[in-house]
């Protein structure tokens, strides 16, 4: 490692040490709602009075801005995250690249971009840094895990289908191998709440994540059902956790579980 890289890593480490809780939101498979969970967990924490930052580290699909109705905004300085509320700020590559342009980067370029974000963003005084990672265990995930400091945590997001659970098991093993403590597993899209009859239909099955948690010796944090309110809220740039629904109540219970795990 060059002296310049050592200095960068030390600068990043010093920044990370100032943040009490650093939590990476991980998924083994794409399309499980990881960005939705990231944004709503962060918003829910901010509603409870915590100062929270979200780092959108999914370079190829940066979706955090659209979750807050900020898609298309461009910032001039990487150092200044975008303020959403008094307690919540976000930063994303989306703020610095042309809209709709694909990011066609190889590993070294992606790792360099992650290091630049970690080094350059000034989060001020925050209690939580929530990092929305891309799916899988590739370059971005590994770079984040190796540079957000010791005692960082992770949360695994999955859906109930076997194909998602299989990939999520790999994520649990990956996190444990690199000493990124797993706080627990969230089962997203766990059943569908019918708008008309309000009954639950298990379109994608249900309960697989709980069994996986038992099999891997991991905490099951809870489940969030499919709910039309979630879709509407995401498209409108309003976190669904701010509304009254089964999904929002379940996620609030999950946040309580997360805080409980952090106290241990």
C-alpha atoms as a PDB file:
ATOM      1  CA  UNK A   1       0.000   0.000   0.000  1.00  0.00           C
ATOM      2  CA  UNK A   2       1.360   3.428  -0.962  1.00  0.00           C
ATOM      3  CA  UNK A   3       1.916   6.170   1.598  1.00  0.00           C
ATOM      4  CA  UNK A   4      -0.805   8.258  -0.094  1.00  0.00           C
ATOM      5  CA  UNK A   5      -3.330   5.414   0.227  1.00  0.00           C
ATOM      6  CA  UNK A   6      -2.395   4.879   3.869  1.00  0.00           C
ATOM      7  CA  UNK A   7      -3.008   8.575   4.546  1.00  0.00           C
ATOM      8  CA  UNK A   8      -6.411   8.416   2.814  1.00  0.00           C
ATOM      9  CA  UNK A   9      -7.446   5.350   4.770  1.00  0.00           C
ATOM     10  CA  UNK A  10      -6.356   6.994   8.021  1.00  0.00           C
ATOM     11  CA  UNK A  11      -8.336  10.143   7.209  1.00  0.00           C
ATOM     12  CA  UNK A  12     -11.438   8.042   6.453  1.00  0.00           C
ATOM     13  CA  UNK A  13     -10.970   6.053   9.658  1.00  0.00           C
ATOM     14  CA  UNK A  14     -10.806   9.241  11.719  1.00  0.00           C
ATOM     15  CA  UNK A  15     -14.084  10.399  10.154  1.00  0.00           C
ATOM     16  CA  UNK A  16     -15.764   7.073  10.809  1.00  0.00           C
ATOM     17  CA  UNK A  17     -14.687   7.052  14.459  1.00  0.00           C
ATOM     18  CA  UNK A  18     -16.708  10.246  14.982  1.00  0.00           C
ATOM     19  CA  UNK A  19     -19.914   8.391  14.014  1.00  0.00           C
ATOM     20  CA  UNK A  20     -21.230   6.173  16.792  1.00  0.00           C
ATOM     21  CA  UNK A  21     -23.175   3.710  14.645  1.00  0.00           C
ATOM     22  CA  UNK A  22     -22.222   2.718  11.086  1.00  0.00           C
ATOM     23  CA  UNK A  23     -24.642   0.246   9.525  1.00  0.00           C
ATOM     24  CA  UNK A  24     -24.325  -1.268   6.044  1.00  0.00           C
ATOM     25  CA  UNK A  25     -27.590  -2.471   4.481  1.00  0.00           C
ATOM     26  CA  UNK A  26     -26.701  -5.603   2.524  1.00  0.00           C
ATOM     27  CA  UNK A  27     -28.547  -7.917   0.156  1.00  0.00           C
ATOM     28  CA  UNK A  28     -27.366 -11.001  -1.656  1.00  0.00           C
ATOM     29  CA  UNK A  29     -29.739 -10.338  -4.546  1.00  0.00           C
ATOM     30  CA  UNK A  30     -31.025  -7.270  -6.346  1.00  0.00           C
ATOM     31  CA  UNK A  31     -34.650  -6.170  -6.275  1.00  0.00           C
ATOM     32  CA  UNK A  32     -35.356  -7.112  -2.641  1.00  0.00           C
ATOM     33  CA  UNK A  33     -36.050  -3.549  -1.505  1.00  0.00           C
ATOM     34  CA  UNK A  34     -32.701  -2.761   0.048  1.00  0.00           C
ATOM     35  CA  UNK A  35     -32.818   0.962  -0.857  1.00  0.00           C
ATOM     36  CA  UNK A  36     -36.404   1.141   0.407  1.00  0.00           C
ATOM     37  CA  UNK A  37     -35.341  -0.363   3.738  1.00  0.00           C
ATOM     38  CA  UNK A  38     -32.250   1.866   3.919  1.00  0.00           C
ATOM     39  CA  UNK A  39     -34.176   5.094   3.376  1.00  0.00           C
ATOM     40  CA  UNK A  40     -37.055   4.200   5.686  1.00  0.00           C
ATOM     41  CA  UNK A  41     -34.892   2.878   8.509  1.00  0.00           C
ATOM     42  CA  UNK A  42     -32.862   6.085   8.328  1.00  0.00           C
ATOM     43  CA  UNK A  43     -35.993   8.245   8.253  1.00  0.00           C
ATOM     44  CA  UNK A  44     -37.508   6.298  11.135  1.00  0.00           C
ATOM     45  CA  UNK A  45     -34.366   6.805  13.224  1.00  0.00           C
ATOM     46  CA  UNK A  46     -34.397  10.524  12.425  1.00  0.00           C
ATOM     47  CA  UNK A  47     -38.030  10.732  13.585  1.00  0.00           C
ATOM     48  CA  UNK A  48     -36.892   9.379  16.940  1.00  0.00           C
ATOM     49  CA  UNK A  49     -34.494  12.282  17.345  1.00  0.00           C
ATOM     50  CA  UNK A  50     -31.276  10.724  16.047  1.00  0.00           C
ATOM     51  CA  UNK A  51     -29.032  12.578  13.587  1.00  0.00           C
ATOM     52  CA  UNK A  52     -28.695  10.327  10.536  1.00  0.00           C
ATOM     53  CA  UNK A  53     -26.763  10.294   7.263  1.00  0.00           C
ATOM     54  CA  UNK A  54     -27.369   7.976   4.303  1.00  0.00           C
ATOM     55  CA  UNK A  55     -24.520   7.125   1.935  1.00  0.00           C
ATOM     56  CA  UNK A  56     -25.815   5.722  -1.358  1.00  0.00           C
ATOM     57  CA  UNK A  57     -22.958   3.363  -2.279  1.00  0.00           C
ATOM     58  CA  UNK A  58     -24.836   1.584  -5.085  1.00  0.00           C
ATOM     59  CA  UNK A  59     -22.829   3.199  -7.884  1.00  0.00           C
ATOM     60  CA  UNK A  60     -24.642   1.481 -10.766  1.00  0.00           C
ATOM     61  CA  UNK A  61     -28.139   2.066  -9.402  1.00  0.00           C
ATOM     62  CA  UNK A  62     -28.140   5.037  -7.023  1.00  0.00           C
ATOM     63  CA  UNK A  63     -31.783   5.164  -5.895  1.00  0.00           C
ATOM     64  CA  UNK A  64     -31.681   6.921  -2.540  1.00  0.00           C
ATOM     65  CA  UNK A  65     -32.409  10.408  -3.999  1.00  0.00           C
ATOM     66  CA  UNK A  66     -35.643   9.253  -5.673  1.00  0.00           C
ATOM     67  CA  UNK A  67     -36.798   7.790  -2.343  1.00  0.00           C
ATOM     68  CA  UNK A  68     -36.873  11.367  -1.011  1.00  0.00           C
ATOM     69  CA  UNK A  69     -38.101  13.109  -4.162  1.00  0.00           C
ATOM     70  CA  UNK A  70     -34.636  14.524  -4.940  1.00  0.00           C
ATOM     71  CA  UNK A  71     -33.879  12.766  -8.235  1.00  0.00           C
ATOM     72  CA  UNK A  72     -32.317  15.153 -10.771  1.00  0.00           C
ATOM     73  CA  UNK A  73     -30.746  17.484  -8.215  1.00  0.00           C
ATOM     74  CA  UNK A  74     -27.068  18.232  -8.842  1.00  0.00           C
ATOM     75  CA  UNK A  75     -24.594  19.337  -6.188  1.00  0.00           C
ATOM     76  CA  UNK A  76     -21.341  21.197  -6.756  1.00  0.00           C
ATOM     77  CA  UNK A  77     -19.462  19.928  -3.705  1.00  0.00           C
ATOM     78  CA  UNK A  78     -19.060  16.324  -2.633  1.00  0.00           C
ATOM     79  CA  UNK A  79     -18.325  17.507   0.898  1.00  0.00           C
ATOM     80  CA  UNK A  80     -21.857  18.807   1.510  1.00  0.00           C
ATOM     81  CA  UNK A  81     -24.578  16.126   1.779  1.00  0.00           C
ATOM     82  CA  UNK A  82     -28.119  17.131   0.865  1.00  0.00           C
ATOM     83  CA  UNK A  83     -30.274  17.975   3.874  1.00  0.00           C
ATOM     84  CA  UNK A  84     -33.668  16.243   3.845  1.00  0.00           C
ATOM     85  CA  UNK A  85     -34.836  17.212   7.335  1.00  0.00           C
ATOM     86  CA  UNK A  86     -33.170  18.727  10.372  1.00  0.00           C
ATOM     87  CA  UNK A  87     -32.056  15.234  11.421  1.00  0.00           C
ATOM     88  CA  UNK A  88     -31.428  13.561   8.059  1.00  0.00           C
ATOM     89  CA  UNK A  89     -28.947  14.131   5.213  1.00  0.00           C
ATOM     90  CA  UNK A  90     -28.106  12.043   2.152  1.00  0.00           C
ATOM     91  CA  UNK A  91     -25.254  11.746  -0.327  1.00  0.00           C
ATOM     92  CA  UNK A  92     -25.264   9.857  -3.614  1.00  0.00           C
ATOM     93  CA  UNK A  93     -23.270   9.571  -6.833  1.00  0.00           C
ATOM     94  CA  UNK A  94     -26.564  10.508  -8.514  1.00  0.00           C
ATOM     95  CA  UNK A  95     -25.945  14.132  -7.466  1.00  0.00           C
ATOM     96  CA  UNK A  96     -22.746  14.293  -9.538  1.00  0.00           C
ATOM     97  CA  UNK A  97     -23.452  12.406 -12.788  1.00  0.00           C
ATOM     98  CA  UNK A  98     -25.818  13.210 -15.706  1.00  0.00           C
ATOM     99  CA  UNK A  99     -29.296  11.752 -15.362  1.00  0.00           C
ATOM    100  CA  UNK A 100     -29.842   8.373 -17.054  1.00  0.00           C
ATOM    101  CA  UNK A 101     -26.125   7.940 -17.825  1.00  0.00           C
ATOM    102  CA  UNK A 102     -24.898   4.427 -16.983  1.00  0.00           C
ATOM    103  CA  UNK A 103     -21.823   4.064 -14.790  1.00  0.00           C
ATOM    104  CA  UNK A 104     -19.464   1.898 -16.849  1.00  0.00           C
ATOM    105  CA  UNK A 105     -16.560   1.448 -14.442  1.00  0.00           C
ATOM    106  CA  UNK A 106     -14.237  -1.408 -13.637  1.00  0.00           C
ATOM    107  CA  UNK A 107     -13.200  -2.408 -10.133  1.00  0.00           C
ATOM    108  CA  UNK A 108     -10.408   0.137  -9.498  1.00  0.00           C
ATOM    109  CA  UNK A 109     -12.607   3.039 -10.628  1.00  0.00           C
ATOM    110  CA  UNK A 110     -15.451   1.911  -8.381  1.00  0.00           C
ATOM    111  CA  UNK A 111     -13.163   1.466  -5.406  1.00  0.00           C
ATOM    112  CA  UNK A 112     -11.694   4.909  -6.047  1.00  0.00           C
ATOM    113  CA  UNK A 113     -15.163   6.483  -6.140  1.00  0.00           C
ATOM    114  CA  UNK A 114     -16.136   4.817  -2.853  1.00  0.00           C
ATOM    115  CA  UNK A 115     -12.929   6.033  -1.203  1.00  0.00           C
ATOM    116  CA  UNK A 116     -13.584   9.559  -2.501  1.00  0.00           C
ATOM    117  CA  UNK A 117     -17.098   9.554  -1.058  1.00  0.00           C
ATOM    118  CA  UNK A 118     -15.956   8.225   2.314  1.00  0.00           C
ATOM    119  CA  UNK A 119     -13.100  10.715   2.467  1.00  0.00           C
ATOM    120  CA  UNK A 120     -14.836  13.761   1.060  1.00  0.00           C
ATOM    121  CA  UNK A 121     -18.289  13.873   2.665  1.00  0.00           C
ATOM    122  CA  UNK A 122     -18.557  16.026   5.799  1.00  0.00           C
ATOM    123  CA  UNK A 123     -21.377  14.511   7.826  1.00  0.00           C
ATOM    124  CA  UNK A 124     -21.071  16.909  10.753  1.00  0.00           C
ATOM    125  CA  UNK A 125     -22.333  15.453  14.024  1.00  0.00           C
ATOM    126  CA  UNK A 126     -24.436  12.365  13.234  1.00  0.00           C
ATOM    127  CA  UNK A 127     -25.409   9.376  15.382  1.00  0.00           C
ATOM    128  CA  UNK A 128     -25.985   6.935  12.500  1.00  0.00           C
ATOM    129  CA  UNK A 129     -24.467   6.438   9.076  1.00  0.00           C
ATOM    130  CA  UNK A 130     -26.668   4.118   6.996  1.00  0.00           C
ATOM    131  CA  UNK A 131     -24.837   2.790   3.927  1.00  0.00           C
ATOM    132  CA  UNK A 132     -27.013   1.496   1.078  1.00  0.00           C
ATOM    133  CA  UNK A 133     -24.851  -1.090  -0.691  1.00  0.00           C
ATOM    134  CA  UNK A 134     -25.288  -2.728  -4.098  1.00  0.00           C
ATOM    135  CA  UNK A 135     -26.400  -6.370  -4.112  1.00  0.00           C
ATOM    136  CA  UNK A 136     -23.812  -9.098  -3.773  1.00  0.00           C
ATOM    137  CA  UNK A 137     -20.328  -9.210  -2.328  1.00  0.00           C
ATOM    138  CA  UNK A 138     -18.331  -7.352  -4.978  1.00  0.00           C
ATOM    139  CA  UNK A 139     -15.892  -4.454  -5.031  1.00  0.00           C
ATOM    140  CA  UNK A 140     -18.137  -1.745  -3.559  1.00  0.00           C
ATOM    141  CA  UNK A 141     -19.330  -3.901  -0.672  1.00  0.00           C
ATOM    142  CA  UNK A 142     -15.835  -5.056   0.199  1.00  0.00           C
ATOM    143  CA  UNK A 143     -14.377  -1.535  -0.050  1.00  0.00           C
ATOM    144  CA  UNK A 144     -17.066  -0.126   2.245  1.00  0.00           C
ATOM    145  CA  UNK A 145     -16.693  -2.955   4.746  1.00  0.00           C
ATOM    146  CA  UNK A 146     -12.941  -2.485   4.914  1.00  0.00           C
ATOM    147  CA  UNK A 147     -13.103   1.285   5.384  1.00  0.00           C
ATOM    148  CA  UNK A 148     -16.042   2.216   7.620  1.00  0.00           C
ATOM    149  CA  UNK A 149     -14.069   1.325  10.696  1.00  0.00           C
ATOM    150  CA  UNK A 150     -14.093  -1.405  13.326  1.00  0.00           C
ATOM    151  CA  UNK A 151     -17.348  -2.201  15.122  1.00  0.00           C
ATOM    152  CA  UNK A 152     -19.379  -1.382  12.012  1.00  0.00           C
ATOM    153  CA  UNK A 153     -22.582  -3.403  11.667  1.00  0.00           C
ATOM    154  CA  UNK A 154     -24.705  -4.813   8.863  1.00  0.00           C
ATOM    155  CA  UNK A 155     -28.352  -5.680   8.247  1.00  0.00           C
ATOM    156  CA  UNK A 156     -29.297  -8.301   5.643  1.00  0.00           C
ATOM    157  CA  UNK A 157     -32.420  -7.668   3.537  1.00  0.00           C
ATOM    158  CA  UNK A 158     -34.066 -10.579   1.737  1.00  0.00           C
ATOM    159  CA  UNK A 159     -37.390 -11.697   0.322  1.00  0.00           C
ATOM    160  CA  UNK A 160     -38.983 -15.050   1.238  1.00  0.00           C
ATOM    161  CA  UNK A 161     -38.207 -16.936  -2.010  1.00  0.00           C
ATOM    162  CA  UNK A 162     -35.534 -19.615  -1.950  1.00  0.00           C
ATOM    163  CA  UNK A 163     -33.485 -17.916  -4.674  1.00  0.00           C
ATOM    164  CA  UNK A 164     -33.169 -14.781  -2.527  1.00  0.00           C
ATOM    165  CA  UNK A 165     -32.571 -16.700   0.687  1.00  0.00           C
ATOM    166  CA  UNK A 166     -29.724 -18.653  -0.882  1.00  0.00           C
ATOM    167  CA  UNK A 167     -27.929 -15.448  -1.881  1.00  0.00           C
ATOM    168  CA  UNK A 168     -28.651 -13.917   1.522  1.00  0.00           C
ATOM    169  CA  UNK A 169     -26.983 -16.846   3.262  1.00  0.00           C
ATOM    170  CA  UNK A 170     -23.856 -15.966   1.307  1.00  0.00           C
ATOM    171  CA  UNK A 171     -24.173 -12.364   2.510  1.00  0.00           C
ATOM    172  CA  UNK A 172     -24.366 -13.506   6.132  1.00  0.00           C
ATOM    173  CA  UNK A 173     -21.259 -15.637   5.686  1.00  0.00           C
ATOM    174  CA  UNK A 174     -19.484 -12.808   3.850  1.00  0.00           C
ATOM    175  CA  UNK A 175     -20.221 -10.328   6.655  1.00  0.00           C
ATOM    176  CA  UNK A 176     -18.978 -12.732   9.302  1.00  0.00           C
ATOM    177  CA  UNK A 177     -15.784 -13.474   7.357  1.00  0.00           C
ATOM    178  CA  UNK A 178     -14.852  -9.788   7.213  1.00  0.00           C
ATOM    179  CA  UNK A 179     -15.909  -9.092  10.825  1.00  0.00           C
ATOM    180  CA  UNK A 180     -18.888  -6.950   9.840  1.00  0.00           C
ATOM    181  CA  UNK A 181     -21.243  -7.884  12.674  1.00  0.00           C
ATOM    182  CA  UNK A 182     -24.729  -8.819  11.458  1.00  0.00           C
ATOM    183  CA  UNK A 183     -27.407  -7.099  13.542  1.00  0.00           C
ATOM    184  CA  UNK A 184     -30.091  -9.201  11.931  1.00  0.00           C
ATOM    185  CA  UNK A 185     -32.176 -10.126   8.908  1.00  0.00           C
ATOM    186  CA  UNK A 186     -35.264  -8.373   7.524  1.00  0.00           C
ATOM    187  CA  UNK A 187     -37.774 -10.246   5.379  1.00  0.00           C
ATOM    188  CA  UNK A 188     -39.190  -7.748   2.894  1.00  0.00           C
ATOM    189  CA  UNK A 189     -42.251  -8.353   0.653  1.00  0.00           C
ATOM    190  CA  UNK A 190     -43.429 -10.847   3.246  1.00  0.00           C
ATOM    191  CA  UNK A 191     -47.023 -11.463   2.189  1.00  0.00           C
ATOM    192  CA  UNK A 192     -49.309  -9.026   0.382  1.00  0.00           C
ATOM    193  CA  UNK A 193     -51.943  -6.905   2.121  1.00  0.00           C
ATOM    194  CA  UNK A 194     -55.056  -6.703  -0.078  1.00  0.00           C
ATOM    195  CA  UNK A 195     -56.380  -3.128  -0.311  1.00  0.00           C
ATOM    196  CA  UNK A 196     -59.978  -4.306  -0.652  1.00  0.00           C
ATOM    197  CA  UNK A 197     -60.383  -7.058   1.943  1.00  0.00           C
ATOM    198  CA  UNK A 198     -57.232  -6.264   3.998  1.00  0.00           C
ATOM    199  CA  UNK A 199     -56.394  -9.963   4.094  1.00  0.00           C
ATOM    200  CA  UNK A 200     -52.828 -11.191   3.685  1.00  0.00           C
ATOM    201  CA  UNK A 201     -51.893 -13.303   0.658  1.00  0.00           C
ATOM    202  CA  UNK A 202     -48.471 -14.954   0.605  1.00  0.00           C
ATOM    203  CA  UNK A 203     -47.545 -14.265  -3.025  1.00  0.00           C
ATOM    204  CA  UNK A 204     -43.812 -14.685  -2.435  1.00  0.00           C
ATOM    205  CA  UNK A 205     -44.185 -17.140   0.458  1.00  0.00           C
ATOM    206  CA  UNK A 206     -43.487 -16.085   4.028  1.00  0.00           C
ATOM    207  CA  UNK A 207     -41.220 -17.047   6.906  1.00  0.00           C
ATOM    208  CA  UNK A 208     -38.164 -18.149   4.954  1.00  0.00           C
ATOM    209  CA  UNK A 209     -35.954 -15.422   6.422  1.00  0.00           C
ATOM    210  CA  UNK A 210     -36.864 -16.413   9.963  1.00  0.00           C
ATOM    211  CA  UNK A 211     -35.807 -19.998   9.332  1.00  0.00           C
ATOM    212  CA  UNK A 212     -32.633 -18.801   7.609  1.00  0.00           C
ATOM    213  CA  UNK A 213     -31.841 -16.651  10.636  1.00  0.00           C
ATOM    214  CA  UNK A 214     -32.233 -19.690  12.882  1.00  0.00           C
ATOM    215  CA  UNK A 215     -30.054 -21.805  10.586  1.00  0.00           C
ATOM    216  CA  UNK A 216     -27.273 -19.209  10.489  1.00  0.00           C
ATOM    217  CA  UNK A 217     -27.452 -18.193  14.147  1.00  0.00           C
ATOM    218  CA  UNK A 218     -28.557 -14.679  13.184  1.00  0.00           C
ATOM    219  CA  UNK A 219     -31.174 -12.398  14.731  1.00  0.00           C
ATOM    220  CA  UNK A 220     -34.493 -12.190  12.849  1.00  0.00           C
ATOM    221  CA  UNK A 221     -35.460  -8.509  13.058  1.00  0.00           C
ATOM    222  CA  UNK A 222     -38.924  -8.830  11.528  1.00  0.00           C
ATOM    223  CA  UNK A 223     -40.878  -8.750   8.281  1.00  0.00           C
ATOM    224  CA  UNK A 224     -42.407  -6.044   6.094  1.00  0.00           C
ATOM    225  CA  UNK A 225     -45.363  -6.997   3.854  1.00  0.00           C
ATOM    226  CA  UNK A 226     -46.037  -5.949   0.281  1.00  0.00           C
ATOM    227  CA  UNK A 227     -48.275  -2.916   0.537  1.00  0.00           C
ATOM    228  CA  UNK A 228     -49.487  -0.535  -2.181  1.00  0.00           C
ATOM    229  CA  UNK A 229     -48.750   2.299   0.246  1.00  0.00           C
ATOM    230  CA  UNK A 230     -45.055   1.400   0.079  1.00  0.00           C
ATOM    231  CA  UNK A 231     -44.985   1.621  -3.726  1.00  0.00           C
ATOM    232  CA  UNK A 232     -46.860   4.930  -3.802  1.00  0.00           C
ATOM    233  CA  UNK A 233     -44.682   6.439  -1.092  1.00  0.00           C
ATOM    234  CA  UNK A 234     -41.423   5.464  -2.830  1.00  0.00           C
ATOM    235  CA  UNK A 235     -42.591   6.870  -6.171  1.00  0.00           C
ATOM    236  CA  UNK A 236     -43.774  10.083  -4.490  1.00  0.00           C
ATOM    237  CA  UNK A 237     -40.508  10.556  -2.594  1.00  0.00           C
ATOM    238  CA  UNK A 238     -42.174  10.182   0.812  1.00  0.00           C
ATOM    239  CA  UNK A 239     -40.888   7.495   3.224  1.00  0.00           C
ATOM    240  CA  UNK A 240     -43.712   5.023   3.879  1.00  0.00           C
ATOM    241  CA  UNK A 241     -42.737   4.767   7.534  1.00  0.00           C
ATOM    242  CA  UNK A 242     -44.260   8.221   8.070  1.00  0.00           C
ATOM    243  CA  UNK A 243     -47.723   6.837   7.167  1.00  0.00           C
ATOM    244  CA  UNK A 244     -49.982   4.549   9.203  1.00  0.00           C
ATOM    245  CA  UNK A 245     -49.988   1.079   7.660  1.00  0.00           C
ATOM    246  CA  UNK A 246     -49.076  -2.494   8.535  1.00  0.00           C
ATOM    247  CA  UNK A 247     -45.747  -2.020   6.722  1.00  0.00           C
ATOM    248  CA  UNK A 248     -44.865   1.155   8.634  1.00  0.00           C
ATOM    249  CA  UNK A 249     -45.827  -0.352  11.994  1.00  0.00           C
ATOM    250  CA  UNK A 250     -43.766  -3.459  11.276  1.00  0.00           C
ATOM    251  CA  UNK A 251     -40.747  -1.407  10.251  1.00  0.00           C
ATOM    252  CA  UNK A 252     -41.025   0.746  13.357  1.00  0.00           C
ATOM    253  CA  UNK A 253     -40.931  -2.474  15.402  1.00  0.00           C
ATOM    254  CA  UNK A 254     -37.838  -3.523  13.436  1.00  0.00           C
ATOM    255  CA  UNK A 255     -36.127  -0.210  14.258  1.00  0.00           C
ATOM    256  CA  UNK A 256     -36.870  -0.840  17.936  1.00  0.00           C
ATOM    257  CA  UNK A 257     -35.222  -4.259  17.566  1.00  0.00           C
ATOM    258  CA  UNK A 258     -32.201  -2.685  15.870  1.00  0.00           C
ATOM    259  CA  UNK A 259     -31.768  -0.172  18.701  1.00  0.00           C
ATOM    260  CA  UNK A 260     -32.116  -2.990  21.216  1.00  0.00           C
ATOM    261  CA  UNK A 261     -29.384  -5.006  19.470  1.00  0.00           C
ATOM    262  CA  UNK A 262     -27.075  -1.979  19.441  1.00  0.00           C
ATOM    263  CA  UNK A 263     -27.467  -1.573  23.194  1.00  0.00           C
ATOM    264  CA  UNK A 264     -26.195  -5.091  23.844  1.00  0.00           C
END
